[in-house]
mmCIF file of all heavy atoms, coordinates in Angstrom:
data_MODEL
# 
_entry.id   MODEL 
# 
loop_
_atom_site.group_PDB 
_atom_site.id 
_atom_site.type_symbol 
_atom_site.label_atom_id 
_atom_site.label_alt_id 
_atom_site.label_comp_id 
_atom_site.label_asym_id 
_atom_site.label_entity_id 
_atom_site.label_seq_id 
_atom_site.pdbx_PDB_ins_code 
_atom_site.Cartn_x 
_atom_site.Cartn_y 
_atom_site.Cartn_z 
_atom_site.occupancy 
_atom_site.B_iso_or_equiv 
_atom_site.pdbx_formal_charge 
_atom_site.auth_seq_id 
_atom_site.auth_comp_id 
_atom_site.auth_asym_id 
_atom_site.auth_atom_id 
_atom_site.pdbx_PDB_model_num 
ATOM 1   N N   . PHE A 1 1  ? 2.928   -7.160  -4.538  1.00 0.00 ? 1  PHE A N   1 
ATOM 2   C CA  . PHE A 1 1  ? 2.482   -6.472  -3.334  1.00 0.00 ? 1  PHE A CA  1 
ATOM 3   C C   . PHE A 1 1  ? 2.156   -7.503  -2.260  1.00 0.00 ? 1  PHE A C   1 
ATOM 4   O O   . PHE A 1 1  ? 1.476   -8.493  -2.534  1.00 0.00 ? 1  PHE A O   1 
ATOM 5   C CB  . PHE A 1 1  ? 1.235   -5.623  -3.617  1.00 0.00 ? 1  PHE A CB  1 
ATOM 6   C CG  . PHE A 1 1  ? 1.439   -4.635  -4.721  1.00 0.00 ? 1  PHE A CG  1 
ATOM 7   C CD1 . PHE A 1 1  ? 1.034   -4.924  -6.015  1.00 0.00 ? 1  PHE A CD1 1 
ATOM 8   C CD2 . PHE A 1 1  ? 2.058   -3.421  -4.484  1.00 0.00 ? 1  PHE A CD2 1 
ATOM 9   C CE1 . PHE A 1 1  ? 1.231   -4.030  -7.051  1.00 0.00 ? 1  PHE A CE1 1 
ATOM 10  C CE2 . PHE A 1 1  ? 2.265   -2.513  -5.508  1.00 0.00 ? 1  PHE A CE2 1 
ATOM 11  C CZ  . PHE A 1 1  ? 1.847   -2.818  -6.793  1.00 0.00 ? 1  PHE A CZ  1 
ATOM 12  N N   . CYS A 1 2  ? 2.616   -7.241  -1.055  1.00 0.00 ? 2  CYS A N   1 
ATOM 13  C CA  . CYS A 1 2  ? 2.344   -8.127  0.072   1.00 0.00 ? 2  CYS A CA  1 
ATOM 14  C C   . CYS A 1 2  ? 1.115   -7.621  0.818   1.00 0.00 ? 2  CYS A C   1 
ATOM 15  O O   . CYS A 1 2  ? 1.021   -6.435  1.132   1.00 0.00 ? 2  CYS A O   1 
ATOM 16  C CB  . CYS A 1 2  ? 3.547   -8.179  1.004   1.00 0.00 ? 2  CYS A CB  1 
ATOM 17  S SG  . CYS A 1 2  ? 3.332   -9.342  2.362   1.00 0.00 ? 2  CYS A SG  1 
ATOM 18  N N   . LEU A 1 3  ? 0.183   -8.516  1.088   1.00 0.00 ? 3  LEU A N   1 
ATOM 19  C CA  . LEU A 1 3  ? -1.048  -8.152  1.793   1.00 0.00 ? 3  LEU A CA  1 
ATOM 20  C C   . LEU A 1 3  ? -0.881  -8.183  3.312   1.00 0.00 ? 3  LEU A C   1 
ATOM 21  O O   . LEU A 1 3  ? -1.859  -8.183  4.046   1.00 0.00 ? 3  LEU A O   1 
ATOM 22  C CB  . LEU A 1 3  ? -2.191  -9.084  1.366   1.00 0.00 ? 3  LEU A CB  1 
ATOM 23  C CG  . LEU A 1 3  ? -2.630  -8.951  -0.089  1.00 0.00 ? 3  LEU A CG  1 
ATOM 24  C CD1 . LEU A 1 3  ? -3.645  -10.029 -0.445  1.00 0.00 ? 3  LEU A CD1 1 
ATOM 25  C CD2 . LEU A 1 3  ? -3.187  -7.568  -0.358  1.00 0.00 ? 3  LEU A CD2 1 
ATOM 26  N N   . GLU A 1 4  ? 0.354   -8.229  3.768   1.00 0.00 ? 4  GLU A N   1 
ATOM 27  C CA  . GLU A 1 4  ? 0.654   -8.194  5.196   1.00 0.00 ? 4  GLU A CA  1 
ATOM 28  C C   . GLU A 1 4  ? 1.368   -6.881  5.501   1.00 0.00 ? 4  GLU A C   1 
ATOM 29  O O   . GLU A 1 4  ? 1.928   -6.247  4.620   1.00 0.00 ? 4  GLU A O   1 
ATOM 30  C CB  . GLU A 1 4  ? 1.587   -9.345  5.586   1.00 0.00 ? 4  GLU A CB  1 
ATOM 31  C CG  . GLU A 1 4  ? 1.009   -10.715 5.409   1.00 0.00 ? 4  GLU A CG  1 
ATOM 32  C CD  . GLU A 1 4  ? 2.017   -11.796 5.786   1.00 0.00 ? 4  GLU A CD  1 
ATOM 33  O OE1 . GLU A 1 4  ? 2.754   -11.615 6.774   1.00 0.00 ? 4  GLU A OE1 1 
ATOM 34  O OE2 . GLU A 1 4  ? 2.063   -12.803 5.079   1.00 0.00 ? 4  GLU A OE2 1 
ATOM 35  N N   . ASP A 1 5  ? 1.388   -6.525  6.757   1.00 0.00 ? 5  ASP A N   1 
ATOM 36  C CA  . ASP A 1 5  ? 2.171   -5.378  7.192   1.00 0.00 ? 5  ASP A CA  1 
ATOM 37  C C   . ASP A 1 5  ? 3.469   -5.866  7.812   1.00 0.00 ? 5  ASP A C   1 
ATOM 38  O O   . ASP A 1 5  ? 3.482   -6.850  8.549   1.00 0.00 ? 5  ASP A O   1 
ATOM 39  C CB  . ASP A 1 5  ? 1.412   -4.555  8.240   1.00 0.00 ? 5  ASP A CB  1 
ATOM 40  C CG  . ASP A 1 5  ? 0.379   -3.649  7.619   1.00 0.00 ? 5  ASP A CG  1 
ATOM 41  O OD1 . ASP A 1 5  ? 0.601   -3.195  6.486   1.00 0.00 ? 5  ASP A OD1 1 
ATOM 42  O OD2 . ASP A 1 5  ? -0.649  -3.400  8.266   1.00 0.00 ? 5  ASP A OD2 1 
ATOM 43  N N   . GLY A 1 6  ? 4.555   -5.204  7.490   1.00 0.00 ? 6  GLY A N   1 
ATOM 44  C CA  . GLY A 1 6  ? 5.822   -5.482  8.136   1.00 0.00 ? 6  GLY A CA  1 
ATOM 45  C C   . GLY A 1 6  ? 6.486   -6.787  7.736   1.00 0.00 ? 6  GLY A C   1 
ATOM 46  O O   . GLY A 1 6  ? 7.445   -7.201  8.379   1.00 0.00 ? 6  GLY A O   1 
ATOM 47  N N   . ALA A 1 7  ? 6.000   -7.450  6.713   1.00 0.00 ? 7  ALA A N   1 
ATOM 48  C CA  . ALA A 1 7  ? 6.658   -8.671  6.256   1.00 0.00 ? 7  ALA A CA  1 
ATOM 49  C C   . ALA A 1 7  ? 7.991   -8.277  5.625   1.00 0.00 ? 7  ALA A C   1 
ATOM 50  O O   . ALA A 1 7  ? 8.097   -7.261  4.964   1.00 0.00 ? 7  ALA A O   1 
ATOM 51  C CB  . ALA A 1 7  ? 5.783   -9.404  5.245   1.00 0.00 ? 7  ALA A CB  1 
ATOM 52  N N   . SER A 1 8  ? 8.994   -9.086  5.849   1.00 0.00 ? 8  SER A N   1 
ATOM 53  C CA  . SER A 1 8  ? 10.319  -8.747  5.311   1.00 0.00 ? 8  SER A CA  1 
ATOM 54  C C   . SER A 1 8  ? 10.428  -9.244  3.876   1.00 0.00 ? 8  SER A C   1 
ATOM 55  O O   . SER A 1 8  ? 11.022  -10.267 3.590   1.00 0.00 ? 8  SER A O   1 
ATOM 56  C CB  . SER A 1 8  ? 11.416  -9.356  6.189   1.00 0.00 ? 8  SER A CB  1 
ATOM 57  O OG  . SER A 1 8  ? 11.240  -10.754 6.266   1.00 0.00 ? 8  SER A OG  1 
ATOM 58  N N   . VAL A 1 9  ? 9.801   -8.501  2.977   1.00 0.00 ? 9  VAL A N   1 
ATOM 59  C CA  . VAL A 1 9  ? 9.822   -8.836  1.556   1.00 0.00 ? 9  VAL A CA  1 
ATOM 60  C C   . VAL A 1 9  ? 10.277  -7.608  0.776   1.00 0.00 ? 9  VAL A C   1 
ATOM 61  O O   . VAL A 1 9  ? 10.160  -6.482  1.249   1.00 0.00 ? 9  VAL A O   1 
ATOM 62  C CB  . VAL A 1 9  ? 8.435   -9.309  1.050   1.00 0.00 ? 9  VAL A CB  1 
ATOM 63  C CG1 . VAL A 1 9  ? 8.052   -10.638 1.673   1.00 0.00 ? 9  VAL A CG1 1 
ATOM 64  C CG2 . VAL A 1 9  ? 7.359   -8.275  1.313   1.00 0.00 ? 9  VAL A CG2 1 
ATOM 65  N N   . SER A 1 10 ? 10.768  -7.850  -0.417  1.00 0.00 ? 10 SER A N   1 
ATOM 66  C CA  . SER A 1 10 ? 11.324  -6.754  -1.220  1.00 0.00 ? 10 SER A CA  1 
ATOM 67  C C   . SER A 1 10 ? 10.272  -6.166  -2.166  1.00 0.00 ? 10 SER A C   1 
ATOM 68  O O   . SER A 1 10 ? 10.463  -6.128  -3.374  1.00 0.00 ? 10 SER A O   1 
ATOM 69  C CB  . SER A 1 10 ? 12.523  -7.265  -2.007  1.00 0.00 ? 10 SER A CB  1 
ATOM 70  O OG  . SER A 1 10 ? 12.133  -8.361  -2.812  1.00 0.00 ? 10 SER A OG  1 
ATOM 71  N N   . CYS A 1 11 ? 9.149   -5.744  -1.597  1.00 0.00 ? 11 CYS A N   1 
ATOM 72  C CA  . CYS A 1 11 ? 8.096   -5.093  -2.373  1.00 0.00 ? 11 CYS A CA  1 
ATOM 73  C C   . CYS A 1 11 ? 7.182   -4.347  -1.400  1.00 0.00 ? 11 CYS A C   1 
ATOM 74  O O   . CYS A 1 11 ? 7.268   -4.558  -0.190  1.00 0.00 ? 11 CYS A O   1 
ATOM 75  C CB  . CYS A 1 11 ? 7.305   -6.126  -3.188  1.00 0.00 ? 11 CYS A CB  1 
ATOM 76  S SG  . CYS A 1 11 ? 6.384   -7.305  -2.205  1.00 0.00 ? 11 CYS A SG  1 
ATOM 77  N N   . PRO A 1 12 ? 6.302   -3.492  -1.912  1.00 0.00 ? 12 PRO A N   1 
ATOM 78  C CA  . PRO A 1 12 ? 5.400   -2.751  -1.020  1.00 0.00 ? 12 PRO A CA  1 
ATOM 79  C C   . PRO A 1 12 ? 4.480   -3.683  -0.225  1.00 0.00 ? 12 PRO A C   1 
ATOM 80  O O   . PRO A 1 12 ? 4.018   -4.701  -0.738  1.00 0.00 ? 12 PRO A O   1 
ATOM 81  C CB  . PRO A 1 12 ? 4.587   -1.877  -1.980  1.00 0.00 ? 12 PRO A CB  1 
ATOM 82  C CG  . PRO A 1 12 ? 5.404   -1.792  -3.221  1.00 0.00 ? 12 PRO A CG  1 
ATOM 83  C CD  . PRO A 1 12 ? 6.148   -3.093  -3.311  1.00 0.00 ? 12 PRO A CD  1 
ATOM 84  N N   . ASP A 1 13 ? 4.231   -3.306  1.031   1.00 0.00 ? 13 ASP A N   1 
ATOM 85  C CA  . ASP A 1 13 ? 3.304   -4.080  1.855   1.00 0.00 ? 13 ASP A CA  1 
ATOM 86  C C   . ASP A 1 13 ? 1.952   -3.374  1.923   1.00 0.00 ? 13 ASP A C   1 
ATOM 87  O O   . ASP A 1 13 ? 1.740   -2.355  1.259   1.00 0.00 ? 13 ASP A O   1 
ATOM 88  C CB  . ASP A 1 13 ? 3.882   -4.338  3.251   1.00 0.00 ? 13 ASP A CB  1 
ATOM 89  C CG  . ASP A 1 13 ? 4.064   -3.068  4.076   1.00 0.00 ? 13 ASP A CG  1 
ATOM 90  O OD1 . ASP A 1 13 ? 3.642   -1.968  3.641   1.00 0.00 ? 13 ASP A OD1 1 
ATOM 91  O OD2 . ASP A 1 13 ? 4.634   -3.166  5.177   1.00 0.00 ? 13 ASP A OD2 1 
ATOM 92  N N   . LEU A 1 14 ? 1.041   -3.926  2.711   1.00 0.00 ? 14 LEU A N   1 
ATOM 93  C CA  . LEU A 1 14 ? -0.323  -3.403  2.791   1.00 0.00 ? 14 LEU A CA  1 
ATOM 94  C C   . LEU A 1 14 ? -0.344  -1.940  3.228   1.00 0.00 ? 14 LEU A C   1 
ATOM 95  O O   . LEU A 1 14 ? -1.062  -1.126  2.647   1.00 0.00 ? 14 LEU A O   1 
ATOM 96  C CB  . LEU A 1 14 ? -1.158  -4.272  3.732   1.00 0.00 ? 14 LEU A CB  1 
ATOM 97  C CG  . LEU A 1 14 ? -2.640  -3.948  3.805   1.00 0.00 ? 14 LEU A CG  1 
ATOM 98  C CD1 . LEU A 1 14 ? -3.307  -4.080  2.444   1.00 0.00 ? 14 LEU A CD1 1 
ATOM 99  C CD2 . LEU A 1 14 ? -3.331  -4.850  4.820   1.00 0.00 ? 14 LEU A CD2 1 
ATOM 100 N N   . SER A 1 15 ? 0.447   -1.586  4.230   1.00 0.00 ? 15 SER A N   1 
ATOM 101 C CA  . SER A 1 15 ? 0.471   -0.191  4.699   1.00 0.00 ? 15 SER A CA  1 
ATOM 102 C C   . SER A 1 15 ? 0.914   0.764   3.601   1.00 0.00 ? 15 SER A C   1 
ATOM 103 O O   . SER A 1 15 ? 0.365   1.855   3.462   1.00 0.00 ? 15 SER A O   1 
ATOM 104 C CB  . SER A 1 15 ? 1.401   -0.046  5.908   1.00 0.00 ? 15 SER A CB  1 
ATOM 105 O OG  . SER A 1 15 ? 0.871   -0.721  7.015   1.00 0.00 ? 15 SER A OG  1 
ATOM 106 N N   . ALA A 1 16 ? 1.906   0.353   2.815   1.00 0.00 ? 16 ALA A N   1 
ATOM 107 C CA  . ALA A 1 16 ? 2.377   1.201   1.715   1.00 0.00 ? 16 ALA A CA  1 
ATOM 108 C C   . ALA A 1 16 ? 1.277   1.402   0.677   1.00 0.00 ? 16 ALA A C   1 
ATOM 109 O O   . ALA A 1 16 ? 1.079   2.509   0.184   1.00 0.00 ? 16 ALA A O   1 
ATOM 110 C CB  . ALA A 1 16 ? 3.618   0.589   1.074   1.00 0.00 ? 16 ALA A CB  1 
ATOM 111 N N   . LEU A 1 17 ? 0.563   0.327   0.353   1.00 0.00 ? 17 LEU A N   1 
ATOM 112 C CA  . LEU A 1 17 ? -0.542  0.444   -0.606  1.00 0.00 ? 17 LEU A CA  1 
ATOM 113 C C   . LEU A 1 17 ? -1.627  1.374   -0.085  1.00 0.00 ? 17 LEU A C   1 
ATOM 114 O O   . LEU A 1 17 ? -2.133  2.224   -0.815  1.00 0.00 ? 17 LEU A O   1 
ATOM 115 C CB  . LEU A 1 17 ? -1.153  -0.926  -0.886  1.00 0.00 ? 17 LEU A CB  1 
ATOM 116 C CG  . LEU A 1 17 ? -0.475  -1.785  -1.927  1.00 0.00 ? 17 LEU A CG  1 
ATOM 117 C CD1 . LEU A 1 17 ? -1.054  -3.194  -1.918  1.00 0.00 ? 17 LEU A CD1 1 
ATOM 118 C CD2 . LEU A 1 17 ? -0.609  -1.174  -3.309  1.00 0.00 ? 17 LEU A CD2 1 
ATOM 119 N N   . LEU A 1 18 ? -1.983  1.197   1.180   1.00 0.00 ? 18 LEU A N   1 
ATOM 120 C CA  . LEU A 1 18 ? -3.047  2.028   1.755   1.00 0.00 ? 18 LEU A CA  1 
ATOM 121 C C   . LEU A 1 18 ? -2.632  3.500   1.827   1.00 0.00 ? 18 LEU A C   1 
ATOM 122 O O   . LEU A 1 18 ? -3.468  4.382   1.635   1.00 0.00 ? 18 LEU A O   1 
ATOM 123 C CB  . LEU A 1 18 ? -3.443  1.497   3.132   1.00 0.00 ? 18 LEU A CB  1 
ATOM 124 C CG  . LEU A 1 18 ? -4.077  0.106   3.146   1.00 0.00 ? 18 LEU A CG  1 
ATOM 125 C CD1 . LEU A 1 18 ? -4.323  -0.364  4.575   1.00 0.00 ? 18 LEU A CD1 1 
ATOM 126 C CD2 . LEU A 1 18 ? -5.353  0.066   2.324   1.00 0.00 ? 18 LEU A CD2 1 
ATOM 127 N N   . SER A 1 19 ? -1.353  3.764   2.070   1.00 0.00 ? 19 SER A N   1 
ATOM 128 C CA  . SER A 1 19 ? -0.909  5.159   2.133   1.00 0.00 ? 19 SER A CA  1 
ATOM 129 C C   . SER A 1 19 ? -0.955  5.825   0.755   1.00 0.00 ? 19 SER A C   1 
ATOM 130 O O   . SER A 1 19 ? -1.136  7.036   0.657   1.00 0.00 ? 19 SER A O   1 
ATOM 131 C CB  . SER A 1 19 ? 0.493   5.261   2.730   1.00 0.00 ? 19 SER A CB  1 
ATOM 132 O OG  . SER A 1 19 ? 1.450   4.723   1.852   1.00 0.00 ? 19 SER A OG  1 
ATOM 133 N N   . LEU A 1 20 ? -0.813  5.037   -0.306  1.00 0.00 ? 20 LEU A N   1 
ATOM 134 C CA  . LEU A 1 20 ? -0.909  5.594   -1.665  1.00 0.00 ? 20 LEU A CA  1 
ATOM 135 C C   . LEU A 1 20 ? -2.321  6.089   -1.976  1.00 0.00 ? 20 LEU A C   1 
ATOM 136 O O   . LEU A 1 20 ? -2.508  6.953   -2.832  1.00 0.00 ? 20 LEU A O   1 
ATOM 137 C CB  . LEU A 1 20 ? -0.513  4.537   -2.703  1.00 0.00 ? 20 LEU A CB  1 
ATOM 138 C CG  . LEU A 1 20 ? 0.948   4.113   -2.737  1.00 0.00 ? 20 LEU A CG  1 
ATOM 139 C CD1 . LEU A 1 20 ? 1.133   2.950   -3.712  1.00 0.00 ? 20 LEU A CD1 1 
ATOM 140 C CD2 . LEU A 1 20 ? 1.838   5.282   -3.103  1.00 0.00 ? 20 LEU A CD2 1 
ATOM 141 N N   . ALA A 1 21 ? -3.316  5.524   -1.289  1.00 0.00 ? 21 ALA A N   1 
ATOM 142 C CA  . ALA A 1 21 ? -4.711  5.874   -1.555  1.00 0.00 ? 21 ALA A CA  1 
ATOM 143 C C   . ALA A 1 21 ? -4.971  7.362   -1.346  1.00 0.00 ? 21 ALA A C   1 
ATOM 144 O O   . ALA A 1 21 ? -5.829  7.940   -2.019  1.00 0.00 ? 21 ALA A O   1 
ATOM 145 C CB  . ALA A 1 21 ? -5.636  5.048   -0.668  1.00 0.00 ? 21 ALA A CB  1 
ATOM 146 N N   . ASN A 1 22 ? -4.223  7.986   -0.454  1.00 0.00 ? 22 ASN A N   1 
ATOM 147 C CA  . ASN A 1 22 ? -4.417  9.409   -0.180  1.00 0.00 ? 22 ASN A CA  1 
ATOM 148 C C   . ASN A 1 22 ? -4.123  10.278  -1.390  1.00 0.00 ? 22 ASN A C   1 
ATOM 149 O O   . ASN A 1 22 ? -4.539  11.425  -1.445  1.00 0.00 ? 22 ASN A O   1 
ATOM 150 C CB  . ASN A 1 22 ? -3.540  9.844   0.996   1.00 0.00 ? 22 ASN A CB  1 
ATOM 151 C CG  . ASN A 1 22 ? -3.922  9.145   2.277   1.00 0.00 ? 22 ASN A CG  1 
ATOM 152 O OD1 . ASN A 1 22 ? -5.077  8.798   2.487   1.00 0.00 ? 22 ASN A OD1 1 
ATOM 153 N ND2 . ASN A 1 22 ? -2.941  8.927   3.135   1.00 0.00 ? 22 ASN A ND2 1 
ATOM 154 N N   . GLU A 1 23 ? -3.381  9.734   -2.360  1.00 0.00 ? 23 GLU A N   1 
ATOM 155 C CA  . GLU A 1 23 ? -2.996  10.498  -3.544  1.00 0.00 ? 23 GLU A CA  1 
ATOM 156 C C   . GLU A 1 23 ? -3.998  10.357  -4.688  1.00 0.00 ? 23 GLU A C   1 
ATOM 157 O O   . GLU A 1 23 ? -3.787  10.902  -5.763  1.00 0.00 ? 23 GLU A O   1 
ATOM 158 C CB  . GLU A 1 23 ? -1.611  10.045  -4.003  1.00 0.00 ? 23 GLU A CB  1 
ATOM 159 C CG  . GLU A 1 23 ? -0.539  10.235  -2.942  1.00 0.00 ? 23 GLU A CG  1 
ATOM 160 C CD  . GLU A 1 23 ? 0.785   9.630   -3.336  1.00 0.00 ? 23 GLU A CD  1 
ATOM 161 O OE1 . GLU A 1 23 ? 1.081   9.553   -4.540  1.00 0.00 ? 23 GLU A OE1 1 
ATOM 162 O OE2 . GLU A 1 23 ? 1.531   9.235   -2.424  1.00 0.00 ? 23 GLU A OE2 1 
ATOM 163 N N   . VAL A 1 24 ? -5.090  9.605   -4.461  1.00 0.00 ? 24 VAL A N   1 
ATOM 164 C CA  . VAL A 1 24 ? -6.091  9.365   -5.502  1.00 0.00 ? 24 VAL A CA  1 
ATOM 165 C C   . VAL A 1 24 ? -7.413  9.967   -5.046  1.00 0.00 ? 24 VAL A C   1 
ATOM 166 O O   . VAL A 1 24 ? -7.881  9.702   -3.938  1.00 0.00 ? 24 VAL A O   1 
ATOM 167 C CB  . VAL A 1 24 ? -6.267  7.852   -5.775  1.00 0.00 ? 24 VAL A CB  1 
ATOM 168 C CG1 . VAL A 1 24 ? -7.359  7.598   -6.796  1.00 0.00 ? 24 VAL A CG1 1 
ATOM 169 C CG2 . VAL A 1 24 ? -4.947  7.239   -6.236  1.00 0.00 ? 24 VAL A CG2 1 
ATOM 170 N N   . SER A 1 25 ? -8.025  10.766  -5.905  1.00 0.00 ? 25 SER A N   1 
ATOM 171 C CA  . SER A 1 25 ? -9.294  11.389  -5.538  1.00 0.00 ? 25 SER A CA  1 
ATOM 172 C C   . SER A 1 25 ? -10.443 10.391  -5.694  1.00 0.00 ? 25 SER A C   1 
ATOM 173 O O   . SER A 1 25 ? -10.325 9.391   -6.404  1.00 0.00 ? 25 SER A O   1 
ATOM 174 C CB  . SER A 1 25 ? -9.560  12.614  -6.415  1.00 0.00 ? 25 SER A CB  1 
ATOM 175 O OG  . SER A 1 25 ? -9.900  12.201  -7.724  1.00 0.00 ? 25 SER A OG  1 
ATOM 176 N N   . GLU A 1 26 ? -11.543 10.691  -5.037  1.00 0.00 ? 26 GLU A N   1 
ATOM 177 C CA  . GLU A 1 26 ? -12.742 9.859   -5.144  1.00 0.00 ? 26 GLU A CA  1 
ATOM 178 C C   . GLU A 1 26 ? -13.231 9.784   -6.587  1.00 0.00 ? 26 GLU A C   1 
ATOM 179 O O   . GLU A 1 26 ? -13.775 8.779   -7.014  1.00 0.00 ? 26 GLU A O   1 
ATOM 180 C CB  . GLU A 1 26 ? -13.864 10.410  -4.247  1.00 0.00 ? 26 GLU A CB  1 
ATOM 181 C CG  . GLU A 1 26 ? -13.576 10.334  -2.768  1.00 0.00 ? 26 GLU A CG  1 
ATOM 182 C CD  . GLU A 1 26 ? -13.435 8.916   -2.243  1.00 0.00 ? 26 GLU A CD  1 
ATOM 183 O OE1 . GLU A 1 26 ? -14.143 8.012   -2.734  1.00 0.00 ? 26 GLU A OE1 1 
ATOM 184 O OE2 . GLU A 1 26 ? -12.605 8.708   -1.345  1.00 0.00 ? 26 GLU A OE2 1 
ATOM 185 N N   . VAL A 1 27 ? -13.001 10.843  -7.348  1.00 0.00 ? 27 VAL A N   1 
ATOM 186 C CA  . VAL A 1 27 ? -13.467 10.912  -8.730  1.00 0.00 ? 27 VAL A CA  1 
ATOM 187 C C   . VAL A 1 27 ? -12.757 9.865   -9.592  1.00 0.00 ? 27 VAL A C   1 
ATOM 188 O O   . VAL A 1 27 ? -13.329 9.342   -10.535 1.00 0.00 ? 27 VAL A O   1 
ATOM 189 C CB  . VAL A 1 27 ? -13.233 12.333  -9.301  1.00 0.00 ? 27 VAL A CB  1 
ATOM 190 C CG1 . VAL A 1 27 ? -13.621 12.418  -10.765 1.00 0.00 ? 27 VAL A CG1 1 
ATOM 191 C CG2 . VAL A 1 27 ? -14.002 13.351  -8.476  1.00 0.00 ? 27 VAL A CG2 1 
ATOM 192 N N   . GLN A 1 28 ? -11.513 9.550   -9.254  1.00 0.00 ? 28 GLN A N   1 
ATOM 193 C CA  . GLN A 1 28 ? -10.745 8.599   -10.049 1.00 0.00 ? 28 GLN A CA  1 
ATOM 194 C C   . GLN A 1 28 ? -11.196 7.155   -9.855  1.00 0.00 ? 28 GLN A C   1 
ATOM 195 O O   . GLN A 1 28 ? -10.877 6.304   -10.664 1.00 0.00 ? 28 GLN A O   1 
ATOM 196 C CB  . GLN A 1 28 ? -9.254  8.721   -9.728  1.00 0.00 ? 28 GLN A CB  1 
ATOM 197 C CG  . GLN A 1 28 ? -8.665  10.033  -10.196 1.00 0.00 ? 28 GLN A CG  1 
ATOM 198 C CD  . GLN A 1 28 ? -7.238  10.204  -9.744  1.00 0.00 ? 28 GLN A CD  1 
ATOM 199 O OE1 . GLN A 1 28 ? -6.984  10.706  -8.667  1.00 0.00 ? 28 GLN A OE1 1 
ATOM 200 N NE2 . GLN A 1 28 ? -6.308  9.767   -10.574 1.00 0.00 ? 28 GLN A NE2 1 
# 
């Protein structure tokens, strides 16, 4: 995972990771 946004790398970047958070409840 890249901790930058928009870096040209072949893996998820920071924005992608943060968008996944919406799929996890606070309880988890």
